[in-house]
Amino acid sequence: MTSTHSRARRAGLAAFVGTTIEWYDFYVYATAAALVFGPLFFPSEDPLAETAAAFATFAIAFLVRPFGGILFGHIGDKLGRRVSLVITLLLMGVATVLVGCLPTYETIGIMAPILLVLLRALQGLAVGGEWGGAVLMSVEHAPEKSKTFYGGFTQLGNPAGALLASGVFAIMTRFGDDFIINGGWRIPFLLSIVLIGVGLWVRYRVEESPVFEQKIEGRQQSMPLAFALRNNWKPILLGIGLLPISTGGYYLATTFATAYATGAPISIDAQVILDAMTIASFIEFVVTLPVAWLGDKWGRKNVMYLGLVTSVLTFAPFMLILPGRVEPLIFLFASLVRIAMSATYAPIAAILAQMFRPQARYTSIALSYGVGAAIWAGFSPWFATQLIAWTGDIWSVIGMFTAMAVLAGICTRLAPQHSDEAPATASFTARTDTTGITRP
């Protein structure tokens, strides 16, 4: 057991470091889209149109994520999780650094947004294969009773990456808006080149997943995508339905909230909201692993239900207090909503991983997460911006958020949970289903 936990800790650390770098790259773009990409790459007389256009490029990455899931899921199911994860890290890092080198619309005209969209698509391709592989490396190394906790290491990379991204931009704002708009925005992108080397070194030191090694031993490999679509289509659909708050709700409380708070007519100083988001990211970072640990004690589904309810109860007042521009309340609710959402995000790694049998698991989880993120995270900030434009009322966004939480709760209830320690048949398709157990 000690050896198992030791391997799980190494795999968890590698997943944490890798996903921190990947999400840092991803959130750097998201923050820049909320603050500067509109006027730099999509100049318009209407500031709201600039923001909507910037969020549309933000959504491109989510649209290509399913293709990244298929591509890197195939590599991960056929050649191993580690091979796939090294490639995704390199791809994400190169794309991010190149964004930092792009000329703006003022310099090269229409080619500037076109190149930005292409590089954002490469980011989406990389993260589409990254998350599923990192989850499986951490969860598949873990003993059955600790899968939610070790899966939390992968989820820890999200607030850590967000903390780094918002923290770097928060530092940039202290040099003034002119500094950011005149080239300071490039610095967070270029810093990614340092992080890539660290991530590659850590990932090369981790053994391959034992579940993957057992899966391929003495067995002929099937085509992962064909197997996933033929045998796993129901849990794939449920997995997509699990994710509205864990993905889309998260971007509503961060990216959309940043744009909503700093735009007209609220016009909160960007430094205030970035400081609030940085502190919230740190607090989420602190609570993610304890919440994942509770998932093994209380049941990962029960923690998910708790997170969905409290996310609605904290998101609504967060949106409603922003027009008042009372800074202590902004800092308080920015953190409370992230604590609540950590209960929908920390257990999702283990829930999704255990929804699928080991064969074609990488492809299946990547498809669920990629398509779910494309639908929920890719379009939530854009659609929320449109709702404000159509209705002029933030309650429309709160209503959308609540409906997303209800759907996630229903799909969580219906999600199967399989055991990696159950006996396998020769085809490796029959596994013990633990859906009915009180503590999954």
Protein backbone atom coordinates (compact mmCIF):
# COMPACT_ATOMS: atom_id res chain seq x y z
CA MET A 1 0.00 0.00 0.00
CA THR A 2 2.88 2.38 0.81
CA SER A 3 4.38 1.76 -2.62
CA THR A 4 0.99 2.42 -4.25
CA HIS A 5 0.59 5.72 -2.43
CA SER A 6 4.17 6.70 -3.29
CA ARG A 7 3.52 6.16 -7.01
CA ALA A 8 0.21 8.00 -6.67
CA ARG A 9 1.95 10.99 -5.06
CA ARG A 10 4.54 11.18 -7.86
CA ALA A 11 1.83 10.92 -10.49
CA GLY A 12 -0.27 13.50 -8.67
CA LEU A 13 2.63 15.94 -8.48
CA ALA A 14 3.37 15.52 -12.19
CA ALA A 15 -0.31 16.06 -13.01
CA PHE A 16 -0.38 19.17 -10.81
CA VAL A 17 2.73 20.74 -12.35
CA GLY A 18 1.67 19.96 -15.91
CA THR A 19 -1.90 21.18 -15.57
CA THR A 20 -0.73 24.32 -13.74
CA ILE A 21 1.37 25.23 -16.77
CA GLU A 22 -1.39 24.32 -19.22
CA TRP A 23 -4.03 26.33 -17.33
CA TYR A 24 -1.67 29.24 -16.81
CA ASP A 25 -1.29 29.44 -20.58
CA PHE A 26 -5.04 29.12 -21.02
CA TYR A 27 -5.97 31.73 -18.40
CA VAL A 28 -3.37 34.21 -19.58
CA TYR A 29 -5.29 34.30 -22.85
CA ALA A 30 -8.65 34.52 -21.03
CA THR A 31 -7.49 37.47 -18.91
CA ALA A 32 -6.02 39.25 -21.93
CA ALA A 33 -9.27 38.66 -23.84
CA ALA A 34 -11.21 40.36 -21.04
CA LEU A 35 -8.82 43.31 -20.72
CA VAL A 36 -6.92 44.14 -23.92
CA PHE A 37 -7.55 41.84 -26.90
CA GLY A 38 -10.72 43.70 -27.93
CA PRO A 39 -9.09 47.05 -28.80
CA LEU A 40 -5.78 45.49 -29.90
CA PHE A 41 -7.08 42.85 -32.30
CA PHE A 42 -10.76 43.76 -32.88
CA PRO A 43 -10.95 47.58 -32.81
CA SER A 44 -14.49 48.95 -32.93
CA GLU A 45 -16.43 52.04 -31.91
CA ASP A 46 -18.52 49.84 -29.61
CA PRO A 47 -16.56 48.54 -26.55
CA LEU A 48 -19.16 45.80 -25.99
CA ALA A 49 -18.62 44.57 -29.56
CA GLU A 50 -14.85 44.49 -28.96
CA THR A 51 -15.32 42.38 -25.84
CA ALA A 52 -17.77 40.03 -27.59
CA ALA A 53 -15.30 39.53 -30.47
CA ALA A 54 -12.46 38.80 -28.03
CA PHE A 55 -14.65 36.25 -26.21
CA ALA A 56 -15.53 34.67 -29.58
CA THR A 57 -11.82 33.88 -30.12
CA PHE A 58 -11.78 32.60 -26.54
CA ALA A 59 -14.53 30.16 -27.58
CA ILE A 60 -12.53 28.87 -30.57
CA ALA A 61 -10.24 26.89 -28.26
CA PHE A 62 -13.22 25.08 -26.82
CA LEU A 63 -14.60 24.19 -30.23
CA VAL A 64 -11.40 22.35 -31.19
CA ARG A 65 -10.96 20.67 -27.80
CA PRO A 66 -12.97 17.59 -28.81
CA PHE A 67 -10.60 17.09 -31.74
CA GLY A 68 -7.68 17.36 -29.34
CA GLY A 69 -9.40 14.78 -27.18
CA ILE A 70 -9.77 12.39 -30.12
CA LEU A 71 -6.19 12.88 -31.33
CA PHE A 72 -4.40 12.70 -27.99
CA GLY A 73 -6.90 10.21 -26.59
CA HIS A 74 -5.93 7.86 -29.42
CA ILE A 75 -2.23 8.37 -28.62
CA GLY A 76 -2.86 7.93 -24.89
CA ASP A 77 -4.94 4.77 -25.33
CA LYS A 78 -2.54 3.19 -27.84
CA LEU A 79 0.95 4.41 -26.81
CA GLY A 80 0.47 5.50 -23.21
CA ARG A 81 -0.68 8.43 -21.11
CA ARG A 82 2.81 9.87 -20.61
CA VAL A 83 3.64 10.15 -24.34
CA SER A 84 0.46 12.05 -25.01
CA LEU A 85 0.98 14.43 -22.07
CA VAL A 86 4.49 15.41 -23.15
CA ILE A 87 3.23 16.34 -26.64
CA THR A 88 0.30 18.40 -25.31
CA LEU A 89 2.58 20.36 -22.98
CA LEU A 90 4.95 21.25 -25.83
CA LEU A 91 2.10 22.26 -28.15
CA MET A 92 0.43 24.48 -25.57
CA GLY A 93 3.68 26.18 -24.62
CA VAL A 94 4.73 26.96 -28.18
CA ALA A 95 1.28 28.37 -29.07
CA THR A 96 1.26 30.60 -25.96
CA VAL A 97 4.73 32.02 -26.58
CA LEU A 98 3.80 32.79 -30.20
CA VAL A 99 0.69 34.73 -29.05
CA GLY A 100 3.07 36.93 -27.08
CA CYS A 101 4.98 37.64 -30.29
CA LEU A 102 1.96 38.57 -32.46
CA PRO A 103 1.71 41.99 -34.10
CA THR A 104 -1.62 43.75 -33.48
CA TYR A 105 -4.37 44.89 -35.86
CA GLU A 106 -2.80 48.34 -36.10
CA THR A 107 0.39 46.76 -37.48
CA ILE A 108 -0.78 44.05 -39.93
CA GLY A 109 -4.54 44.54 -40.16
CA ILE A 110 -6.85 41.55 -40.57
CA MET A 111 -3.99 39.04 -40.37
CA ALA A 112 -3.58 39.86 -36.66
CA PRO A 113 -6.95 38.42 -35.51
CA ILE A 114 -6.59 35.52 -37.98
CA LEU A 115 -3.23 34.49 -36.49
CA LEU A 116 -4.62 34.98 -32.99
CA VAL A 117 -7.51 32.62 -33.76
CA LEU A 118 -5.14 29.99 -35.22
CA LEU A 119 -2.90 30.04 -32.15
CA ARG A 120 -5.93 29.93 -29.86
CA ALA A 121 -7.08 26.85 -31.78
CA LEU A 122 -3.72 25.18 -31.12
CA GLN A 123 -4.13 25.96 -27.42
CA GLY A 124 -7.55 24.29 -27.51
CA LEU A 125 -6.15 21.25 -29.31
CA ALA A 126 -3.49 20.85 -26.63
CA VAL A 127 -5.73 21.29 -23.60
CA GLY A 128 -8.30 18.97 -25.19
CA GLY A 129 -5.81 16.13 -24.76
CA GLU A 130 -4.08 17.40 -21.63
CA TRP A 131 -6.78 17.29 -18.99
CA GLY A 132 -8.00 13.73 -19.61
CA GLY A 133 -4.47 12.33 -19.63
CA ALA A 134 -3.44 14.18 -16.48
CA VAL A 135 -6.59 12.97 -14.71
CA LEU A 136 -5.92 9.36 -15.67
CA MET A 137 -2.27 9.50 -14.62
CA SER A 138 -3.29 10.67 -11.14
CA VAL A 139 -6.49 8.63 -10.69
CA GLU A 140 -5.20 5.37 -12.22
CA HIS A 141 -2.10 5.38 -9.98
CA ALA A 142 -4.28 5.85 -6.88
CA PRO A 143 -5.81 3.11 -4.69
CA GLU A 144 -9.57 2.73 -4.98
CA LYS A 145 -10.38 4.49 -1.68
CA SER A 146 -8.23 7.55 -2.47
CA LYS A 147 -9.02 8.25 -6.12
CA THR A 148 -10.90 11.49 -5.49
CA PHE A 149 -8.06 12.88 -3.36
CA TYR A 150 -5.32 12.08 -5.87
CA GLY A 151 -7.53 13.21 -8.73
CA GLY A 152 -7.67 16.52 -6.89
CA PHE A 153 -3.99 17.09 -7.70
CA THR A 154 -4.96 17.47 -11.35
CA GLN A 155 -7.71 19.89 -10.37
CA LEU A 156 -5.26 21.81 -8.21
CA GLY A 157 -3.53 22.91 -11.41
CA ASN A 158 -6.55 24.98 -12.41
CA PRO A 159 -6.55 27.48 -9.51
CA ALA A 160 -2.73 27.46 -9.50
CA GLY A 161 -2.67 28.37 -13.20
CA ALA A 162 -5.37 30.98 -12.67
CA LEU A 163 -3.46 32.37 -9.68
CA LEU A 164 -0.29 32.73 -11.75
CA ALA A 165 -2.14 34.30 -14.69
CA SER A 166 -4.21 36.81 -12.72
CA GLY A 167 -1.26 37.50 -10.43
CA VAL A 168 1.04 38.38 -13.33
CA PHE A 169 -1.63 40.65 -14.84
CA ALA A 170 -2.30 42.21 -11.43
CA ILE A 171 1.38 43.13 -11.26
CA MET A 172 1.21 44.53 -14.81
CA THR A 173 -1.71 46.83 -13.93
CA ARG A 174 0.44 48.55 -11.31
CA PHE A 175 2.50 49.99 -14.15
CA GLY A 176 -0.61 51.63 -15.61
CA ASP A 177 -3.04 50.93 -18.46
CA ASP A 178 -0.68 52.43 -21.02
CA PHE A 179 2.04 49.94 -20.09
CA ILE A 180 -0.31 46.97 -20.61
CA ILE A 181 -1.84 48.17 -23.88
CA ASN A 182 1.54 49.20 -25.33
CA GLY A 183 3.22 45.81 -24.96
CA GLY A 184 3.09 44.84 -21.29
CA TRP A 185 0.38 42.29 -22.12
CA ARG A 186 3.02 40.23 -23.99
CA ILE A 187 5.09 39.49 -20.87
CA PRO A 188 2.76 36.83 -19.33
CA PHE A 189 2.70 34.95 -22.65
CA LEU A 190 6.46 34.99 -23.09
CA LEU A 191 7.02 33.77 -19.51
CA SER A 192 5.47 30.45 -20.55
CA ILE A 193 8.74 29.37 -22.15
CA VAL A 194 10.30 29.04 -18.68
CA LEU A 195 7.46 26.89 -17.40
CA ILE A 196 7.60 24.42 -20.30
CA GLY A 197 11.06 23.15 -19.32
CA VAL A 198 9.96 22.58 -15.71
CA GLY A 199 6.87 20.66 -16.81
CA LEU A 200 8.73 18.39 -19.23
CA TRP A 201 11.33 17.51 -16.60
CA VAL A 202 8.66 16.54 -14.07
CA ARG A 203 6.58 14.50 -16.51
CA TYR A 204 9.49 12.43 -17.78
CA ARG A 205 10.12 11.20 -14.21
CA VAL A 206 6.72 9.50 -13.78
CA GLU A 207 6.00 5.85 -14.59
CA GLU A 208 3.26 4.89 -17.01
CA SER A 209 -0.23 4.30 -15.59
CA PRO A 210 -0.57 0.75 -14.12
CA VAL A 211 -4.15 0.51 -15.42
CA PHE A 212 -2.90 1.23 -18.95
CA GLU A 213 -0.13 -1.37 -18.64
CA GLN A 214 -2.61 -3.98 -17.42
CA LYS A 215 -5.07 -3.06 -20.17
CA ILE A 216 -2.61 -3.73 -23.02
CA GLU A 217 -0.86 -6.77 -21.52
CA GLY A 218 -1.54 -9.77 -23.76
CA ARG A 219 -4.50 -8.11 -25.44
CA GLN A 220 -5.04 -6.79 -28.94
CA GLN A 221 -5.74 -3.07 -28.92
CA SER A 222 -9.01 -1.89 -30.45
CA MET A 223 -9.48 1.49 -32.15
CA PRO A 224 -10.13 3.77 -29.14
CA LEU A 225 -12.59 6.13 -30.86
CA ALA A 226 -14.65 3.27 -32.34
CA PHE A 227 -14.77 1.49 -28.97
CA ALA A 228 -15.71 4.70 -27.15
CA LEU A 229 -18.57 5.59 -29.51
CA ARG A 230 -19.88 2.04 -29.62
CA ASN A 231 -19.71 1.17 -25.92
CA ASN A 232 -19.40 4.44 -23.97
CA TRP A 233 -21.78 6.81 -25.73
CA LYS A 234 -24.23 6.96 -22.79
CA PRO A 235 -21.65 7.87 -20.11
CA ILE A 236 -19.99 10.27 -22.58
CA LEU A 237 -23.30 12.16 -22.87
CA LEU A 238 -23.76 12.10 -19.10
CA GLY A 239 -20.20 13.39 -18.71
CA ILE A 240 -21.01 16.34 -20.96
CA GLY A 241 -24.07 17.08 -18.83
CA LEU A 242 -21.99 16.94 -15.64
CA LEU A 243 -19.84 19.91 -16.61
CA PRO A 244 -21.93 23.12 -16.93
CA ILE A 245 -20.83 24.60 -13.59
CA SER A 246 -17.40 22.95 -13.32
CA THR A 247 -16.43 24.53 -16.66
CA GLY A 248 -18.91 27.15 -17.90
CA GLY A 249 -19.89 28.43 -14.46
CA TYR A 250 -16.24 28.87 -13.61
CA TYR A 251 -15.69 31.18 -16.59
CA LEU A 252 -18.84 33.12 -15.75
CA ALA A 253 -17.46 33.80 -12.28
CA THR A 254 -14.01 34.76 -13.58
CA THR A 255 -13.69 35.87 -17.22
CA PHE A 256 -17.24 37.19 -17.66
CA ALA A 257 -17.26 38.77 -14.19
CA THR A 258 -13.99 40.57 -14.98
CA ALA A 259 -15.36 42.02 -18.22
CA TYR A 260 -18.74 42.86 -16.64
CA ALA A 261 -17.15 44.61 -13.65
CA THR A 262 -14.58 46.62 -15.61
CA GLY A 263 -16.88 47.58 -18.50
CA ALA A 264 -19.49 50.32 -18.72
CA PRO A 265 -21.54 51.26 -16.79
CA ILE A 266 -19.94 49.66 -13.68
CA SER A 267 -16.35 50.56 -14.63
CA ILE A 268 -14.57 49.14 -11.61
CA ASP A 269 -10.82 49.70 -11.81
CA ALA A 270 -9.16 46.67 -13.45
CA GLN A 271 -6.62 46.45 -10.64
CA VAL A 272 -9.38 45.96 -8.06
CA ILE A 273 -11.07 43.07 -9.86
CA LEU A 274 -7.73 41.43 -10.76
CA ASP A 275 -6.62 41.63 -7.14
CA ALA A 276 -9.93 40.08 -6.07
CA MET A 277 -9.54 37.28 -8.63
CA THR A 278 -5.95 36.64 -7.57
CA ILE A 279 -6.92 36.27 -3.91
CA ALA A 280 -9.89 34.08 -4.90
CA SER A 281 -7.59 31.84 -6.95
CA PHE A 282 -5.25 31.46 -3.99
CA ILE A 283 -8.12 30.53 -1.67
CA GLU A 284 -9.44 28.02 -4.21
CA PHE A 285 -5.93 26.58 -4.47
CA VAL A 286 -5.84 26.10 -0.68
CA VAL A 287 -9.26 24.40 -0.41
CA THR A 288 -9.15 22.15 -3.52
CA LEU A 289 -7.27 19.20 -2.00
CA PRO A 290 -9.23 19.22 1.29
CA VAL A 291 -12.44 19.22 -0.76
CA ALA A 292 -11.12 16.31 -2.86
CA TRP A 293 -10.26 14.48 0.39
CA LEU A 294 -13.85 14.98 1.56
CA GLY A 295 -14.95 13.34 -1.70
CA ASP A 296 -13.38 10.07 -0.51
CA LYS A 297 -14.94 10.45 2.96
CA TRP A 298 -18.45 11.67 2.11
CA GLY A 299 -18.78 10.36 -1.43
CA ARG A 300 -17.62 12.28 -4.48
CA LYS A 301 -21.16 12.70 -5.79
CA ASN A 302 -22.35 14.14 -2.48
CA VAL A 303 -19.59 16.76 -2.57
CA MET A 304 -20.61 17.58 -6.14
CA TYR A 305 -24.24 18.17 -5.08
CA LEU A 306 -23.08 20.44 -2.25
CA GLY A 307 -20.92 22.43 -4.66
CA LEU A 308 -23.72 22.92 -7.18
CA VAL A 309 -26.12 24.32 -4.59
CA THR A 310 -23.60 26.64 -2.93
CA SER A 311 -22.31 27.85 -6.31
CA VAL A 312 -25.74 29.23 -7.16
CA LEU A 313 -26.11 30.73 -3.67
CA THR A 314 -22.79 32.61 -3.99
CA PHE A 315 -22.76 33.50 -7.71
CA ALA A 316 -26.05 35.42 -7.55
CA PRO A 317 -24.98 37.87 -4.80
CA PHE A 318 -21.53 38.23 -6.40
CA MET A 319 -23.11 39.52 -9.62
CA LEU A 320 -25.60 41.69 -7.76
CA ILE A 321 -23.06 43.50 -5.55
CA LEU A 322 -20.71 44.47 -8.41
CA PRO A 323 -22.66 47.63 -9.46
CA GLY A 324 -22.31 48.93 -5.90
CA ARG A 325 -18.50 48.88 -6.27
CA VAL A 326 -18.01 48.12 -2.56
CA GLU A 327 -14.51 46.65 -2.63
CA PRO A 328 -14.64 44.51 0.57
CA LEU A 329 -17.82 42.80 -0.72
CA ILE A 330 -16.27 42.23 -4.14
CA PHE A 331 -13.25 40.54 -2.56
CA LEU A 332 -15.47 38.48 -0.23
CA PHE A 333 -17.88 37.12 -2.83
CA ALA A 334 -15.21 36.57 -5.48
CA SER A 335 -13.61 34.18 -2.99
CA LEU A 336 -16.85 32.59 -1.74
CA VAL A 337 -18.01 31.64 -5.21
CA ARG A 338 -14.64 30.04 -5.97
CA ILE A 339 -14.76 28.02 -2.73
CA ALA A 340 -18.23 26.79 -3.70
CA MET A 341 -17.14 25.92 -7.22
CA SER A 342 -14.15 23.98 -5.95
CA ALA A 343 -16.68 21.43 -4.67
CA THR A 344 -17.93 20.98 -8.25
CA TYR A 345 -14.42 20.86 -9.70
CA ALA A 346 -12.28 18.92 -7.20
CA PRO A 347 -14.28 15.65 -7.45
CA ILE A 348 -14.95 15.84 -11.20
CA ALA A 349 -11.65 14.15 -12.11
CA ALA A 350 -12.48 10.95 -10.25
CA ILE A 351 -16.17 11.03 -11.21
CA LEU A 352 -15.41 11.28 -14.93
CA ALA A 353 -12.48 8.84 -14.90
CA GLN A 354 -14.52 6.15 -13.15
CA MET A 355 -17.48 6.56 -15.50
CA PHE A 356 -15.55 4.55 -18.13
CA ARG A 357 -13.94 1.13 -18.28
CA PRO A 358 -10.16 1.20 -18.85
CA GLN A 359 -10.38 0.35 -22.54
CA ALA A 360 -10.62 3.62 -24.54
CA ARG A 361 -10.90 5.50 -21.24
CA TYR A 362 -8.56 8.32 -22.33
CA THR A 363 -10.55 8.90 -25.52
CA SER A 364 -13.87 8.70 -23.69
CA ILE A 365 -13.01 11.11 -20.88
CA ALA A 366 -11.35 13.52 -23.34
CA LEU A 367 -14.46 13.50 -25.53
CA SER A 368 -16.75 14.14 -22.55
CA TYR A 369 -14.62 16.95 -21.19
CA GLY A 370 -13.76 18.41 -24.59
CA VAL A 371 -17.33 18.54 -25.89
CA GLY A 372 -18.67 19.64 -22.51
CA ALA A 373 -16.13 22.44 -22.26
CA ALA A 374 -16.85 23.49 -25.86
CA ILE A 375 -20.55 23.82 -25.09
CA TRP A 376 -20.47 25.21 -21.57
CA ALA A 377 -17.17 27.03 -21.09
CA GLY A 378 -16.61 28.09 -24.68
CA PHE A 379 -19.86 29.96 -25.06
CA SER A 380 -20.90 30.90 -21.51
CA PRO A 381 -18.99 34.24 -21.34
CA TRP A 382 -20.07 35.18 -24.87
CA PHE A 383 -23.71 34.19 -24.29
CA ALA A 384 -23.79 35.97 -20.93
CA THR A 385 -22.48 39.12 -22.63
CA GLN A 386 -25.25 38.81 -25.23
CA LEU A 387 -27.88 38.29 -22.52
CA ILE A 388 -26.82 41.54 -20.86
CA ALA A 389 -27.05 43.31 -24.22
CA TRP A 390 -30.50 41.84 -24.94
CA THR A 391 -32.11 42.20 -21.51
CA GLY A 392 -29.99 44.83 -19.77
CA ASP A 393 -30.45 42.78 -16.60
CA ILE A 394 -27.87 40.63 -14.77
CA TRP A 395 -30.70 38.39 -13.53
CA SER A 396 -30.80 36.78 -16.97
CA VAL A 397 -27.23 35.55 -16.42
CA ILE A 398 -28.07 34.36 -12.91
CA GLY A 399 -31.02 32.41 -14.34
CA MET A 400 -28.77 30.77 -16.94
CA PHE A 401 -26.27 29.82 -14.22
CA THR A 402 -29.03 28.23 -12.10
CA ALA A 403 -30.34 26.15 -15.02
CA MET A 404 -26.81 24.91 -15.70
CA ALA A 405 -26.50 23.79 -12.08
CA VAL A 406 -29.78 21.85 -12.21
CA LEU A 407 -28.68 19.96 -15.33
CA ALA A 408 -25.32 19.10 -13.72
CA GLY A 409 -27.07 17.74 -10.65
CA ILE A 410 -29.32 15.44 -12.69
CA CYS A 411 -26.42 14.04 -14.70
CA THR A 412 -24.34 13.53 -11.55
CA ARG A 413 -27.14 11.42 -10.12
CA LEU A 414 -27.24 9.22 -13.24
CA ALA A 415 -23.45 8.87 -13.71
CA PRO A 416 -22.10 5.28 -13.31
CA GLN A 417 -18.92 4.65 -11.30
CA HIS A 418 -16.68 1.68 -12.16
CA SER A 419 -13.96 0.04 -10.09
CA ASP A 420 -10.40 -0.46 -11.36
CA GLU A 421 -9.83 -3.15 -8.72
CA ALA A 422 -12.70 -5.36 -9.90
CA PRO A 423 -11.76 -8.55 -11.79
CA ALA A 424 -11.44 -8.08 -15.57
CA THR A 425 -12.62 -10.47 -18.26
CA ALA A 426 -10.48 -11.39 -21.27
CA SER A 427 -12.02 -8.53 -23.26
CA PHE A 428 -11.60 -6.16 -20.32
CA THR A 429 -15.10 -4.80 -20.78
CA ALA A 430 -16.87 -6.16 -17.67
CA ARG A 431 -16.25 -4.09 -14.57
CA THR A 432 -18.04 -3.75 -11.25
CA ASP A 433 -20.50 -0.87 -11.37
CA THR A 434 -20.66 0.93 -8.01
CA THR A 435 -23.35 3.44 -8.91
CA GLY A 436 -25.68 2.09 -6.25
CA ILE A 437 -23.17 2.30 -3.41
CA THR A 438 -23.89 5.13 -0.99
CA ARG A 439 -20.29 6.34 -0.99
CA PRO A 440 -19.10 5.98 -4.63
